[in-house]
């Protein structure tokens, strides 16, 4: 079961989140060879507003178990309101695990 974490995104600013994925015994999962993906939507059935992968916006830091998510300002600037998101990892063997999910809220910017 995925952990739940609700995020707040400042529109027009870089959003960063670092996740440390651990095994049940507290050791870090070695993410070498894994793929990652994340989507932000207004609701579960709508089109993605932001899509990230380990090729664009998500960095996997191998043996440290760290997943670094970075949404650039040009993408956060377009977000309005609230929605849902999740982060999934795919092992080299093809097993998919949703490691994080929750809601997001976008805080509009005054200075642009």
PDB file of N, CA and C in Angstrom:
ATOM      1  N   UNK A   1       0.841  -1.182   0.000  1.00  0.00           N
ATOM      2  CA  UNK A   1       0.000   0.000   0.000  1.00  0.00           C
ATOM      3  C   UNK A   1       0.886   1.246   0.000  1.00  0.00           C
ATOM      4  N   UNK A   2       0.525   2.201  -0.806  1.00  0.00           N
ATOM      5  CA  UNK A   2       1.299   3.437  -0.941  1.00  0.00           C
ATOM      6  C   UNK A   2       1.153   4.320   0.289  1.00  0.00           C
ATOM      7  N   UNK A   3       2.219   5.044   0.593  1.00  0.00           N
ATOM      8  CA  UNK A   3       2.127   6.072   1.626  1.00  0.00           C
ATOM      9  C   UNK A   3       1.301   7.224   1.078  1.00  0.00           C
ATOM     10  N   UNK A   4       0.662   7.952   1.972  1.00  0.00           N
ATOM     11  CA  UNK A   4      -0.168   9.095   1.572  1.00  0.00           C
ATOM     12  C   UNK A   4       0.506  10.372   2.050  1.00  0.00           C
ATOM     13  N   UNK A   5       0.631  11.346   1.125  1.00  0.00           N
ATOM     14  CA  UNK A   5       1.256  12.628   1.444  1.00  0.00           C
ATOM     15  C   UNK A   5       0.608  13.695   0.568  1.00  0.00           C
ATOM     16  N   UNK A   6       0.044  14.704   1.188  1.00  0.00           N
ATOM     17  CA  UNK A   6      -0.598  15.794   0.468  1.00  0.00           C
ATOM     18  C   UNK A   6       0.416  16.909   0.257  1.00  0.00           C
ATOM     19  N   UNK A   7       0.480  17.423  -0.979  1.00  0.00           N
ATOM     20  CA  UNK A   7       1.506  18.408  -1.305  1.00  0.00           C
ATOM     21  C   UNK A   7       0.902  19.764  -1.643  1.00  0.00           C
ATOM     22  N   UNK A   8       1.680  20.797  -1.378  1.00  0.00           N
ATOM     23  CA  UNK A   8       1.324  22.175  -1.703  1.00  0.00           C
ATOM     24  C   UNK A   8       2.370  22.683  -2.688  1.00  0.00           C
ATOM     25  N   UNK A   9       1.917  23.195  -3.824  1.00  0.00           N
ATOM     26  CA  UNK A   9       2.816  23.636  -4.882  1.00  0.00           C
ATOM     27  C   UNK A   9       2.649  25.133  -5.084  1.00  0.00           C
ATOM     28  N   UNK A  10       3.753  25.872  -5.020  1.00  0.00           N
ATOM     29  CA  UNK A  10       3.729  27.298  -5.305  1.00  0.00           C
ATOM     30  C   UNK A  10       3.816  27.484  -6.815  1.00  0.00           C
ATOM     31  N   UNK A  11       2.770  28.020  -7.424  1.00  0.00           N
ATOM     32  CA  UNK A  11       2.755  28.241  -8.872  1.00  0.00           C
ATOM     33  C   UNK A  11       3.900  29.170  -9.270  1.00  0.00           C
ATOM     34  N   UNK A  12       4.560  28.842 -10.379  1.00  0.00           N
ATOM     35  CA  UNK A  12       5.643  29.656 -10.883  1.00  0.00           C
ATOM     36  C   UNK A  12       6.978  29.444 -10.203  1.00  0.00           C
ATOM     37  N   UNK A  13       7.048  28.492  -9.280  1.00  0.00           N
ATOM     38  CA  UNK A  13       8.298  28.170  -8.579  1.00  0.00           C
ATOM     39  C   UNK A  13       8.625  26.699  -8.816  1.00  0.00           C
ATOM     40  N   UNK A  14       9.893  26.363  -8.686  1.00  0.00           N
ATOM     41  CA  UNK A  14      10.300  24.957  -8.796  1.00  0.00           C
ATOM     42  C   UNK A  14       9.793  24.199  -7.581  1.00  0.00           C
ATOM     43  N   UNK A  15       9.127  23.077  -7.811  1.00  0.00           N
ATOM     44  CA  UNK A  15       8.677  22.223  -6.710  1.00  0.00           C
ATOM     45  C   UNK A  15       9.639  21.046  -6.613  1.00  0.00           C
ATOM     46  N   UNK A  16      10.117  20.763  -5.394  1.00  0.00           N
ATOM     47  CA  UNK A  16      11.019  19.619  -5.171  1.00  0.00           C
ATOM     48  C   UNK A  16      10.489  18.764  -4.033  1.00  0.00           C
ATOM     49  N   UNK A  17      10.625  17.472  -4.215  1.00  0.00           N
ATOM     50  CA  UNK A  17      10.247  16.507  -3.183  1.00  0.00           C
ATOM     51  C   UNK A  17      11.240  15.366  -3.242  1.00  0.00           C
ATOM     52  N   UNK A  18      11.780  14.982  -2.096  1.00  0.00           N
ATOM     53  CA  UNK A  18      12.688  13.843  -2.018  1.00  0.00           C
ATOM     54  C   UNK A  18      12.018  12.751  -1.193  1.00  0.00           C
ATOM     55  N   UNK A  19      11.893  11.585  -1.799  1.00  0.00           N
ATOM     56  CA  UNK A  19      11.281  10.427  -1.147  1.00  0.00           C
ATOM     57  C   UNK A  19      12.382   9.402  -0.905  1.00  0.00           C
ATOM     58  N   UNK A  20      12.424   8.814   0.276  1.00  0.00           N
ATOM     59  CA  UNK A  20      13.360   7.732   0.571  1.00  0.00           C
ATOM     60  C   UNK A  20      12.555   6.451   0.730  1.00  0.00           C
ATOM     61  N   UNK A  21      12.706   5.537  -0.213  1.00  0.00           N
ATOM     62  CA  UNK A  21      11.930   4.295  -0.213  1.00  0.00           C
ATOM     63  C   UNK A  21      12.709   3.227   0.539  1.00  0.00           C
ATOM     64  N   UNK A  22      12.058   2.649   1.566  1.00  0.00           N
ATOM     65  CA  UNK A  22      12.709   1.657   2.410  1.00  0.00           C
ATOM     66  C   UNK A  22      11.962   0.330   2.380  1.00  0.00           C
ATOM     67  N   UNK A  23      12.718  -0.740   2.610  1.00  0.00           N
ATOM     68  CA  UNK A  23      12.131  -2.061   2.818  1.00  0.00           C
ATOM     69  C   UNK A  23      11.481  -2.096   4.195  1.00  0.00           C
ATOM     70  N   UNK A  24      10.732  -3.142   4.482  1.00  0.00           N
ATOM     71  CA  UNK A  24      10.084  -3.279   5.789  1.00  0.00           C
ATOM     72  C   UNK A  24      11.080  -3.317   6.938  1.00  0.00           C
ATOM     73  N   UNK A  25      12.320  -3.777   6.677  1.00  0.00           N
ATOM     74  CA  UNK A  25      13.330  -3.853   7.731  1.00  0.00           C
ATOM     75  C   UNK A  25      14.086  -2.530   7.918  1.00  0.00           C
ATOM     76  N   UNK A  26      13.690  -1.490   7.172  1.00  0.00           N
ATOM     77  CA  UNK A  26      14.308  -0.174   7.329  1.00  0.00           C
ATOM     78  C   UNK A  26      15.492   0.088   6.417  1.00  0.00           C
ATOM     79  N   UNK A  27      15.921  -0.913   5.652  1.00  0.00           N
ATOM     80  CA  UNK A  27      17.006  -0.681   4.697  1.00  0.00           C
ATOM     81  C   UNK A  27      16.435  -0.025   3.442  1.00  0.00           C
ATOM     82  N   UNK A  28      17.284   0.706   2.733  1.00  0.00           N
ATOM     83  CA  UNK A  28      16.833   1.393   1.531  1.00  0.00           C
ATOM     84  C   UNK A  28      16.750   0.435   0.352  1.00  0.00           C
ATOM     85  N   UNK A  29      15.741   0.617  -0.484  1.00  0.00           N
ATOM     86  CA  UNK A  29      15.580  -0.166  -1.699  1.00  0.00           C
ATOM     87  C   UNK A  29      16.589   0.356  -2.721  1.00  0.00           C
ATOM     88  N   UNK A  30      17.352  -0.543  -3.319  1.00  0.00           N
ATOM     89  CA  UNK A  30      18.305  -0.162  -4.354  1.00  0.00           C
ATOM     90  C   UNK A  30      17.523   0.062  -5.652  1.00  0.00           C
ATOM     91  N   UNK A  31      17.489   1.303  -6.116  1.00  0.00           N
ATOM     92  CA  UNK A  31      16.683   1.673  -7.274  1.00  0.00           C
ATOM     93  C   UNK A  31      17.427   1.584  -8.604  1.00  0.00           C
ATOM     94  N   UNK A  32      18.593   0.983  -8.592  1.00  0.00           N
ATOM     95  CA  UNK A  32      19.354   0.816  -9.825  1.00  0.00           C
ATOM     96  C   UNK A  32      18.532  -0.011 -10.816  1.00  0.00           C
ATOM     97  N   UNK A  33      18.357   0.509 -12.028  1.00  0.00           N
ATOM     98  CA  UNK A  33      17.601  -0.187 -13.059  1.00  0.00           C
ATOM     99  C   UNK A  33      16.107   0.045 -13.018  1.00  0.00           C
ATOM    100  N   UNK A  34      15.607   0.766 -12.008  1.00  0.00           N
ATOM    101  CA  UNK A  34      14.180   1.051 -11.900  1.00  0.00           C
ATOM    102  C   UNK A  34      13.762   2.158 -12.858  1.00  0.00           C
ATOM    103  N   UNK A  35      12.470   2.201 -13.162  1.00  0.00           N
ATOM    104  CA  UNK A  35      11.845   3.302 -13.893  1.00  0.00           C
ATOM    105  C   UNK A  35      10.877   3.979 -12.934  1.00  0.00           C
ATOM    106  N   UNK A  36      10.620   5.269 -13.158  1.00  0.00           N
ATOM    107  CA  UNK A  36       9.709   6.007 -12.286  1.00  0.00           C
ATOM    108  C   UNK A  36       8.742   6.831 -13.120  1.00  0.00           C
ATOM    109  N   UNK A  37       7.552   7.062 -12.561  1.00  0.00           N
ATOM    110  CA  UNK A  37       6.579   7.929 -13.217  1.00  0.00           C
ATOM    111  C   UNK A  37       5.681   8.591 -12.166  1.00  0.00           C
ATOM    112  N   UNK A  38       5.216   9.786 -12.516  1.00  0.00           N
ATOM    113  CA  UNK A  38       4.325  10.549 -11.636  1.00  0.00           C
ATOM    114  C   UNK A  38       3.374  11.348 -12.518  1.00  0.00           C
ATOM    115  N   UNK A  39       2.121  11.436 -12.102  1.00  0.00           N
ATOM    116  CA  UNK A  39       1.141  12.269 -12.795  1.00  0.00           C
ATOM    117  C   UNK A  39       0.363  13.086 -11.783  1.00  0.00           C
ATOM    118  N   UNK A  40       0.063  14.327 -12.172  1.00  0.00           N
ATOM    119  CA  UNK A  40      -0.826  15.196 -11.418  1.00  0.00           C
ATOM    120  C   UNK A  40      -2.053  15.449 -12.279  1.00  0.00           C
ATOM    121  N   UNK A  41      -3.232  15.236 -11.711  1.00  0.00           N
ATOM    122  CA  UNK A  41      -4.497  15.431 -12.417  1.00  0.00           C
ATOM    123  C   UNK A  41      -5.454  16.206 -11.512  1.00  0.00           C
ATOM    124  N   UNK A  42      -6.487  16.796 -12.127  1.00  0.00           N
ATOM    125  CA  UNK A  42      -7.528  17.429 -11.311  1.00  0.00           C
ATOM    126  C   UNK A  42      -8.379  16.369 -10.607  1.00  0.00           C
ATOM    127  N   UNK A  43      -8.637  15.258 -11.294  1.00  0.00           N
ATOM    128  CA  UNK A  43      -9.361  14.137 -10.687  1.00  0.00           C
ATOM    129  C   UNK A  43      -8.855  12.854 -11.337  1.00  0.00           C
ATOM    130  N   UNK A  44      -9.223  11.728 -10.780  1.00  0.00           N
ATOM    131  CA  UNK A  44      -8.724  10.446 -11.270  1.00  0.00           C
ATOM    132  C   UNK A  44      -9.052  10.201 -12.739  1.00  0.00           C
ATOM    133  N   UNK A  45     -10.181  10.748 -13.212  1.00  0.00           N
ATOM    134  CA  UNK A  45     -10.635  10.438 -14.569  1.00  0.00           C
ATOM    135  C   UNK A  45     -10.280  11.514 -15.596  1.00  0.00           C
ATOM    136  N   UNK A  46      -9.531  12.534 -15.213  1.00  0.00           N
ATOM    137  CA  UNK A  46      -9.190  13.594 -16.159  1.00  0.00           C
ATOM    138  C   UNK A  46      -7.783  13.416 -16.720  1.00  0.00           C
ATOM    139  N   UNK A  47      -7.481  14.208 -17.728  1.00  0.00           N
ATOM    140  CA  UNK A  47      -6.171  14.171 -18.376  1.00  0.00           C
ATOM    141  C   UNK A  47      -5.088  14.698 -17.426  1.00  0.00           C
ATOM    142  N   UNK A  48      -3.889  14.174 -17.556  1.00  0.00           N
ATOM    143  CA  UNK A  48      -2.768  14.608 -16.717  1.00  0.00           C
ATOM    144  C   UNK A  48      -2.391  16.055 -17.031  1.00  0.00           C
ATOM    145  N   UNK A  49      -2.199  16.834 -15.975  1.00  0.00           N
ATOM    146  CA  UNK A  49      -1.714  18.213 -16.113  1.00  0.00           C
ATOM    147  C   UNK A  49      -0.195  18.236 -16.147  1.00  0.00           C
ATOM    148  N   UNK A  50       0.414  17.349 -15.363  1.00  0.00           N
ATOM    149  CA  UNK A  50       1.864  17.202 -15.317  1.00  0.00           C
ATOM    150  C   UNK A  50       2.169  15.710 -15.344  1.00  0.00           C
ATOM    151  N   UNK A  51       3.083  15.313 -16.225  1.00  0.00           N
ATOM    152  CA  UNK A  51       3.574  13.934 -16.293  1.00  0.00           C
ATOM    153  C   UNK A  51       5.090  13.975 -16.202  1.00  0.00           C
ATOM    154  N   UNK A  52       5.639  13.202 -15.275  1.00  0.00           N
ATOM    155  CA  UNK A  52       7.085  13.126 -15.098  1.00  0.00           C
ATOM    156  C   UNK A  52       7.517  11.669 -15.171  1.00  0.00           C
ATOM    157  N   UNK A  53       8.764  11.456 -15.606  1.00  0.00           N
ATOM    158  CA  UNK A  53       9.353  10.118 -15.591  1.00  0.00           C
ATOM    159  C   UNK A  53      10.801  10.257 -15.142  1.00  0.00           C
ATOM    160  N   UNK A  54      11.466   9.113 -15.015  1.00  0.00           N
ATOM    161  CA  UNK A  54      12.889   9.146 -14.673  1.00  0.00           C
ATOM    162  C   UNK A  54      13.725   9.711 -15.824  1.00  0.00           C
ATOM    163  N   UNK A  55      13.115   9.936 -16.977  1.00  0.00           N
ATOM    164  CA  UNK A  55      13.808  10.582 -18.089  1.00  0.00           C
ATOM    165  C   UNK A  55      13.564  12.086 -18.109  1.00  0.00           C
ATOM    166  N   UNK A  56      12.570  12.553 -17.339  1.00  0.00           N
ATOM    167  CA  UNK A  56      12.205  13.968 -17.341  1.00  0.00           C
ATOM    168  C   UNK A  56      11.533  14.347 -16.022  1.00  0.00           C
ATOM    169  N   UNK A  57      12.324  14.852 -15.071  1.00  0.00           N
ATOM    170  CA  UNK A  57      11.754  15.377 -13.842  1.00  0.00           C
ATOM    171  C   UNK A  57      11.921  14.515 -12.607  1.00  0.00           C
ATOM    172  N   UNK A  58      12.238  13.235 -12.780  1.00  0.00           N
ATOM    173  CA  UNK A  58      12.442  12.353 -11.632  1.00  0.00           C
ATOM    174  C   UNK A  58      13.845  11.758 -11.726  1.00  0.00           C
ATOM    175  N   UNK A  59      14.592  11.863 -10.628  1.00  0.00           N
ATOM    176  CA  UNK A  59      15.922  11.275 -10.544  1.00  0.00           C
ATOM    177  C   UNK A  59      15.904  10.152  -9.522  1.00  0.00           C
ATOM    178  N   UNK A  60      16.399   8.991  -9.895  1.00  0.00           N
ATOM    179  CA  UNK A  60      16.511   7.854  -8.981  1.00  0.00           C
ATOM    180  C   UNK A  60      17.965   7.735  -8.565  1.00  0.00           C
ATOM    181  N   UNK A  61      18.203   7.725  -7.256  1.00  0.00           N
ATOM    182  CA  UNK A  61      19.569   7.721  -6.738  1.00  0.00           C
ATOM    183  C   UNK A  61      20.010   6.350  -6.235  1.00  0.00           C
ATOM    184  N   UNK A  62      19.838   5.340  -7.078  1.00  0.00           N
ATOM    185  CA  UNK A  62      20.381   4.006  -6.846  1.00  0.00           C
ATOM    186  C   UNK A  62      20.214   3.440  -5.454  1.00  0.00           C
ATOM    187  N   UNK A  63      21.345   3.057  -4.846  1.00  0.00           N
ATOM    188  CA  UNK A  63      21.357   2.345  -3.569  1.00  0.00           C
ATOM    189  C   UNK A  63      20.848   3.180  -2.396  1.00  0.00           C
ATOM    190  N   UNK A  64      20.785   4.497  -2.541  1.00  0.00           N
ATOM    191  CA  UNK A  64      20.301   5.342  -1.442  1.00  0.00           C
ATOM    192  C   UNK A  64      18.790   5.270  -1.279  1.00  0.00           C
ATOM    193  N   UNK A  65      18.098   4.681  -2.259  1.00  0.00           N
ATOM    194  CA  UNK A  65      16.649   4.575  -2.196  1.00  0.00           C
ATOM    195  C   UNK A  65      15.923   5.886  -2.412  1.00  0.00           C
ATOM    196  N   UNK A  66      16.638   6.915  -2.861  1.00  0.00           N
ATOM    197  CA  UNK A  66      16.020   8.236  -3.014  1.00  0.00           C
ATOM    198  C   UNK A  66      15.395   8.426  -4.393  1.00  0.00           C
ATOM    199  N   UNK A  67      14.196   8.995  -4.361  1.00  0.00           N
ATOM    200  CA  UNK A  67      13.475   9.409  -5.550  1.00  0.00           C
ATOM    201  C   UNK A  67      13.358  10.925  -5.437  1.00  0.00           C
ATOM    202  N   UNK A  68      13.977  11.646  -6.363  1.00  0.00           N
ATOM    203  CA  UNK A  68      13.969  13.105  -6.327  1.00  0.00           C
ATOM    204  C   UNK A  68      13.046  13.606  -7.433  1.00  0.00           C
ATOM    205  N   UNK A  69      11.992  14.307  -7.025  1.00  0.00           N
ATOM    206  CA  UNK A  69      11.010  14.845  -7.964  1.00  0.00           C
ATOM    207  C   UNK A  69      11.238  16.340  -8.074  1.00  0.00           C
ATOM    208  N   UNK A  70      11.293  16.826  -9.303  1.00  0.00           N
ATOM    209  CA  UNK A  70      11.482  18.251  -9.544  1.00  0.00           C
ATOM    210  C   UNK A  70      10.540  18.694 -10.658  1.00  0.00           C
ATOM    211  N   UNK A  71       9.619  19.592 -10.310  1.00  0.00           N
ATOM    212  CA  UNK A  71       8.685  20.139 -11.301  1.00  0.00           C
ATOM    213  C   UNK A  71       9.117  21.572 -11.578  1.00  0.00           C
ATOM    214  N   UNK A  72       9.506  21.874 -12.820  1.00  0.00           N
ATOM    215  CA  UNK A  72      10.017  23.208 -13.128  1.00  0.00           C
ATOM    216  C   UNK A  72       8.929  24.277 -13.102  1.00  0.00           C
ATOM    217  N   UNK A  73       9.335  25.543 -12.947  1.00  0.00           N
ATOM    218  CA  UNK A  73       8.360  26.633 -12.828  1.00  0.00           C
ATOM    219  C   UNK A  73       7.416  26.757 -14.021  1.00  0.00           C
ATOM    220  N   UNK A  74       7.885  26.425 -15.228  1.00  0.00           N
ATOM    221  CA  UNK A  74       6.984  26.540 -16.379  1.00  0.00           C
ATOM    222  C   UNK A  74       5.826  25.546 -16.298  1.00  0.00           C
ATOM    223  N   UNK A  75       6.008  24.446 -15.566  1.00  0.00           N
ATOM    224  CA  UNK A  75       4.911  23.485 -15.371  1.00  0.00           C
ATOM    225  C   UNK A  75       4.054  23.859 -14.157  1.00  0.00           C
ATOM    226  N   UNK A  76       4.657  24.332 -13.075  1.00  0.00           N
ATOM    227  CA  UNK A  76       3.860  24.695 -11.892  1.00  0.00           C
ATOM    228  C   UNK A  76       3.024  25.947 -12.155  1.00  0.00           C
ATOM    229  N   UNK A  77       3.504  26.810 -13.039  1.00  0.00           N
ATOM    230  CA  UNK A  77       2.783  28.050 -13.372  1.00  0.00           C
ATOM    231  C   UNK A  77       1.406  27.746 -13.957  1.00  0.00           C
ATOM    232  N   UNK A  78       1.285  26.611 -14.633  1.00  0.00           N
ATOM    233  CA  UNK A  78       0.033  26.237 -15.305  1.00  0.00           C
ATOM    234  C   UNK A  78      -0.976  25.550 -14.383  1.00  0.00           C
ATOM    235  N   UNK A  79      -0.557  25.174 -13.189  1.00  0.00           N
ATOM    236  CA  UNK A  79      -1.456  24.466 -12.273  1.00  0.00           C
ATOM    237  C   UNK A  79      -2.433  25.440 -11.625  1.00  0.00           C
ATOM    238  N   UNK A  80      -3.675  25.001 -11.517  1.00  0.00           N
ATOM    239  CA  UNK A  80      -4.716  25.806 -10.897  1.00  0.00           C
ATOM    240  C   UNK A  80      -5.570  24.892 -10.030  1.00  0.00           C
ATOM    241  N   UNK A  81      -5.849  25.314  -8.804  1.00  0.00           N
ATOM    242  CA  UNK A  81      -6.779  24.577  -7.962  1.00  0.00           C
ATOM    243  C   UNK A  81      -6.167  23.422  -7.211  1.00  0.00           C
ATOM    244  N   UNK A  82      -6.869  22.287  -7.261  1.00  0.00           N
ATOM    245  CA  UNK A  82      -6.471  21.112  -6.499  1.00  0.00           C
ATOM    246  C   UNK A  82      -6.591  19.871  -7.371  1.00  0.00           C
ATOM    247  N   UNK A  83      -6.048  18.774  -6.875  1.00  0.00           N
ATOM    248  CA  UNK A  83      -6.159  17.530  -7.608  1.00  0.00           C
ATOM    249  C   UNK A  83      -5.529  16.366  -6.876  1.00  0.00           C
ATOM    250  N   UNK A  84      -5.242  15.329  -7.626  1.00  0.00           N
ATOM    251  CA  UNK A  84      -4.668  14.097  -7.088  1.00  0.00           C
ATOM    252  C   UNK A  84      -3.380  13.765  -7.842  1.00  0.00           C
ATOM    253  N   UNK A  85      -2.540  12.952  -7.220  1.00  0.00           N
ATOM    254  CA  UNK A  85      -1.288  12.531  -7.856  1.00  0.00           C
ATOM    255  C   UNK A  85      -0.888  11.178  -7.300  1.00  0.00           C
ATOM    256  N   UNK A  86       0.029  10.530  -8.000  1.00  0.00           N
ATOM    257  CA  UNK A  86       0.706   9.370  -7.439  1.00  0.00           C
ATOM    258  C   UNK A  86       2.076   9.216  -8.083  1.00  0.00           C
ATOM    259  N   UNK A  87       2.924   8.431  -7.419  1.00  0.00           N
ATOM    260  CA  UNK A  87       4.280   8.142  -7.883  1.00  0.00           C
ATOM    261  C   UNK A  87       4.414   6.627  -7.911  1.00  0.00           C
ATOM    262  N   UNK A  88       4.815   6.094  -9.079  1.00  0.00           N
ATOM    263  CA  UNK A  88       4.997   4.658  -9.231  1.00  0.00           C
ATOM    264  C   UNK A  88       6.427   4.354  -9.650  1.00  0.00           C
ATOM    265  N   UNK A  89       6.934   3.231  -9.157  1.00  0.00           N
ATOM    266  CA  UNK A  89       8.246   2.730  -9.558  1.00  0.00           C
ATOM    267  C   UNK A  89       8.073   1.359 -10.184  1.00  0.00           C
ATOM    268  N   UNK A  90       8.850   1.109 -11.240  1.00  0.00           N
ATOM    269  CA  UNK A  90       8.821  -0.186 -11.909  1.00  0.00           C
ATOM    270  C   UNK A  90      10.190  -0.821 -11.805  1.00  0.00           C
ATOM    271  N   UNK A  91      10.253  -2.003 -11.225  1.00  0.00           N
ATOM    272  CA  UNK A  91      11.520  -2.728 -11.045  1.00  0.00           C
ATOM    273  C   UNK A  91      12.038  -3.211 -12.391  1.00  0.00           C
ATOM    274  N   UNK A  92      13.331  -3.576 -12.449  1.00  0.00           N
ATOM    275  CA  UNK A  92      13.872  -4.124 -13.694  1.00  0.00           C
ATOM    276  C   UNK A  92      13.106  -5.364 -14.174  1.00  0.00           C
ATOM    277  N   UNK A  93      12.467  -6.079 -13.252  1.00  0.00           N
ATOM    278  CA  UNK A  93      11.678  -7.264 -13.600  1.00  0.00           C
ATOM    279  C   UNK A  93      10.250  -6.966 -14.012  1.00  0.00           C
ATOM    280  N   UNK A  94       9.853  -5.680 -13.978  1.00  0.00           N
ATOM    281  CA  UNK A  94       8.516  -5.293 -14.423  1.00  0.00           C
ATOM    282  C   UNK A  94       7.477  -5.147 -13.330  1.00  0.00           C
ATOM    283  N   UNK A  95       7.842  -5.351 -12.051  1.00  0.00           N
ATOM    284  CA  UNK A  95       6.884  -5.192 -10.955  1.00  0.00           C
ATOM    285  C   UNK A  95       6.682  -3.706 -10.671  1.00  0.00           C
ATOM    286  N   UNK A  96       5.416  -3.278 -10.654  1.00  0.00           N
ATOM    287  CA  UNK A  96       5.084  -1.870 -10.425  1.00  0.00           C
ATOM    288  C   UNK A  96       4.588  -1.698  -8.983  1.00  0.00           C
ATOM    289  N   UNK A  97       5.148  -0.696  -8.307  1.00  0.00           N
ATOM    290  CA  UNK A  97       4.750  -0.370  -6.934  1.00  0.00           C
ATOM    291  C   UNK A  97       4.415   1.113  -6.861  1.00  0.00           C
ATOM    292  N   UNK A  98       3.232   1.418  -6.363  1.00  0.00           N
ATOM    293  CA  UNK A  98       2.877   2.818  -6.096  1.00  0.00           C
ATOM    294  C   UNK A  98       3.445   3.135  -4.719  1.00  0.00           C
ATOM    295  N   UNK A  99       4.424   4.051  -4.675  1.00  0.00           N
ATOM    296  CA  UNK A  99       5.078   4.330  -3.398  1.00  0.00           C
ATOM    297  C   UNK A  99       4.485   5.540  -2.678  1.00  0.00           C
ATOM    298  N   UNK A 100       3.814   6.431  -3.425  1.00  0.00           N
ATOM    299  CA  UNK A 100       3.272   7.635  -2.798  1.00  0.00           C
ATOM    300  C   UNK A 100       2.049   8.089  -3.573  1.00  0.00           C
ATOM    301  N   UNK A 101       1.064   8.617  -2.844  1.00  0.00           N
ATOM    302  CA  UNK A 101      -0.151   9.147  -3.459  1.00  0.00           C
ATOM    303  C   UNK A 101      -0.737  10.203  -2.540  1.00  0.00           C
ATOM    304  N   UNK A 102      -1.615  11.007  -3.098  1.00  0.00           N
ATOM    305  CA  UNK A 102      -2.269  12.015  -2.274  1.00  0.00           C
ATOM    306  C   UNK A 102      -2.930  13.082  -3.113  1.00  0.00           C
ATOM    307  N   UNK A 103      -3.150  14.204  -2.487  1.00  0.00           N
ATOM    308  CA  UNK A 103      -3.747  15.344  -3.163  1.00  0.00           C
ATOM    309  C   UNK A 103      -2.714  16.450  -3.285  1.00  0.00           C
ATOM    310  N   UNK A 104      -2.960  17.362  -4.212  1.00  0.00           N
ATOM    311  CA  UNK A 104      -2.107  18.540  -4.352  1.00  0.00           C
ATOM    312  C   UNK A 104      -2.989  19.774  -4.389  1.00  0.00           C
ATOM    313  N   UNK A 105      -2.424  20.865  -3.943  1.00  0.00           N
ATOM    314  CA  UNK A 105      -3.085  22.163  -4.049  1.00  0.00           C
ATOM    315  C   UNK A 105      -2.068  23.135  -4.620  1.00  0.00           C
ATOM    316  N   UNK A 106      -2.493  23.931  -5.584  1.00  0.00           N
ATOM    317  CA  UNK A 106      -1.615  24.915  -6.211  1.00  0.00           C
ATOM    318  C   UNK A 106      -1.925  26.298  -5.635  1.00  0.00           C
ATOM    319  N   UNK A 107      -0.912  26.947  -5.113  1.00  0.00           N
ATOM    320  CA  UNK A 107      -1.051  28.282  -4.538  1.00  0.00           C
ATOM    321  C   UNK A 107      -0.653  29.292  -5.618  1.00  0.00           C
ATOM    322  N   UNK A 108      -1.589  30.139  -6.072  1.00  0.00           N
ATOM    323  CA  UNK A 108      -1.275  31.079  -7.146  1.00  0.00           C
ATOM    324  C   UNK A 108      -0.158  32.047  -6.750  1.00  0.00           C
ATOM    325  N   UNK A 109       0.575  32.494  -7.778  1.00  0.00           N
ATOM    326  CA  UNK A 109       1.643  33.452  -7.520  1.00  0.00           C
ATOM    327  C   UNK A 109       1.146  34.871  -7.722  1.00  0.00           C
ATOM    328  N   UNK A 110       1.716  35.793  -7.003  1.00  0.00           N
ATOM    329  CA  UNK A 110       1.414  37.216  -7.166  1.00  0.00           C
ATOM    330  C   UNK A 110       2.448  37.834  -8.112  1.00  0.00           C
ATOM    331  N   UNK A 111       3.711  37.477  -7.914  1.00  0.00           N
ATOM    332  CA  UNK A 111       4.800  37.994  -8.731  1.00  0.00           C
ATOM    333  C   UNK A 111       5.068  37.015  -9.856  1.00  0.00           C
ATOM    334  N   UNK A 112       4.913  37.463 -11.081  1.00  0.00           N
ATOM    335  CA  UNK A 112       5.212  36.567 -12.210  1.00  0.00           C
ATOM    336  C   UNK A 112       6.154  37.221 -13.194  1.00  0.00           C
TER     337      UNK A 112
END
